[in-house]
Amino acid sequence: MQPYLPFLMLLGLAIVIATTMIVGSHFLGPRRPTEIKERPYESGMPPLGSAHERFKQGRRAKASSETVNDCARRSCSTILLDEF
């Protein structure tokens, strides 16, 4: 335990300083909420439609399965060609 004591002290000091800075900025930082700042904002555009719409997974599932199959086929062909 003795050789690890300086490291543990430094780690503890870093944790205390980080926690103090985060908590201090939360309580001491300026708060100027406005209507514009409180609006939802995503990717540079105001949101369109509901956030609770269903998302179709058909194309994504097909693309990922094709990618996995392609990688498996390439690795198997590499293994088979290396043996001969």
Protein backbone atom coordinates (compact mmCIF):
# COMPACT_ATOMS: atom_id res chain seq x y z
CA MET A 1 0.00 0.00 0.00
CA GLN A 2 2.90 2.33 0.73
CA PRO A 3 4.13 2.68 -2.90
CA TYR A 4 0.60 3.56 -4.06
CA LEU A 5 0.02 6.28 -1.48
CA PRO A 6 1.26 9.26 -3.60
CA PHE A 7 -0.83 8.09 -6.57
CA LEU A 8 -3.95 7.66 -4.42
CA MET A 9 -3.44 11.10 -2.89
CA LEU A 10 -3.11 12.67 -6.34
CA LEU A 11 -6.19 10.80 -7.58
CA GLY A 12 -8.18 11.93 -4.55
CA LEU A 13 -7.07 15.53 -5.03
CA ALA A 14 -8.06 15.42 -8.71
CA ILE A 15 -11.50 14.06 -7.83
CA VAL A 16 -12.05 16.71 -5.17
CA ILE A 17 -10.97 19.54 -7.49
CA ALA A 18 -13.12 18.28 -10.39
CA THR A 19 -16.17 17.87 -8.16
CA THR A 20 -15.66 21.31 -6.61
CA MET A 21 -15.39 22.95 -10.03
CA ILE A 22 -18.51 21.24 -11.40
CA VAL A 23 -20.64 21.92 -8.33
CA GLY A 24 -19.29 25.48 -8.00
CA SER A 25 -20.04 26.34 -11.61
CA HIS A 26 -23.56 24.98 -11.21
CA PHE A 27 -24.32 27.16 -8.20
CA LEU A 28 -22.22 30.23 -9.02
CA GLY A 29 -22.62 30.36 -12.80
CA PRO A 30 -24.91 32.87 -14.49
CA ARG A 31 -28.43 31.83 -15.33
CA ARG A 32 -30.26 33.76 -18.00
CA PRO A 33 -32.98 31.46 -19.30
CA THR A 34 -35.04 32.90 -22.12
CA GLU A 35 -37.79 31.47 -24.28
CA ILE A 36 -35.40 31.00 -27.20
CA LYS A 37 -32.82 29.17 -25.06
CA GLU A 38 -35.46 26.86 -23.63
CA ARG A 39 -36.81 25.74 -27.01
CA PRO A 40 -35.78 22.33 -28.32
CA TYR A 41 -33.10 22.55 -31.01
CA GLU A 42 -31.61 19.72 -33.04
CA SER A 43 -28.94 19.79 -35.77
CA GLY A 44 -29.35 23.44 -36.57
CA MET A 45 -33.10 23.25 -37.23
CA PRO A 46 -36.21 23.47 -35.11
CA PRO A 47 -37.75 20.02 -34.59
CA LEU A 48 -40.42 18.92 -37.05
CA GLY A 49 -43.16 16.55 -35.98
CA SER A 50 -43.36 14.43 -32.88
CA ALA A 51 -40.42 12.84 -31.14
CA HIS A 52 -42.50 9.73 -30.53
CA GLU A 53 -42.82 8.54 -34.13
CA ARG A 54 -41.89 5.01 -35.09
CA PHE A 55 -38.60 4.60 -36.87
CA LYS A 56 -38.48 2.00 -39.61
CA GLN A 57 -35.59 -0.42 -39.22
CA GLY A 58 -35.95 -2.41 -42.43
CA ARG A 59 -33.20 -0.84 -44.49
CA ARG A 60 -30.83 -0.52 -41.56
CA ALA A 61 -31.22 -4.17 -40.58
CA LYS A 62 -30.73 -5.31 -44.16
CA ALA A 63 -27.65 -3.13 -44.64
CA SER A 64 -26.03 -4.31 -41.42
CA SER A 65 -26.69 -7.97 -42.20
CA GLU A 66 -25.21 -7.51 -45.69
CA THR A 67 -22.15 -5.85 -44.18
CA VAL A 68 -21.65 -8.70 -41.71
CA ASN A 69 -22.11 -11.32 -44.42
CA ASP A 70 -19.72 -9.52 -46.75
CA CYS A 71 -17.03 -9.31 -44.06
CA ALA A 72 -17.50 -12.97 -43.18
CA ARG A 73 -17.30 -13.99 -46.84
CA ARG A 74 -14.13 -11.96 -47.37
CA SER A 75 -12.41 -13.34 -44.28
CA CYS A 76 -13.36 -16.93 -45.17
CA SER A 77 -12.14 -16.53 -48.74
CA THR A 78 -8.88 -15.06 -47.46
CA ILE A 79 -8.40 -18.00 -45.11
CA LEU A 80 -9.20 -20.52 -47.84
CA LEU A 81 -6.91 -18.87 -50.39
CA ASP A 82 -4.03 -18.63 -47.92
CA GLU A 83 -4.10 -22.38 -47.34
CA PHE A 84 -3.42 -23.24 -51.00
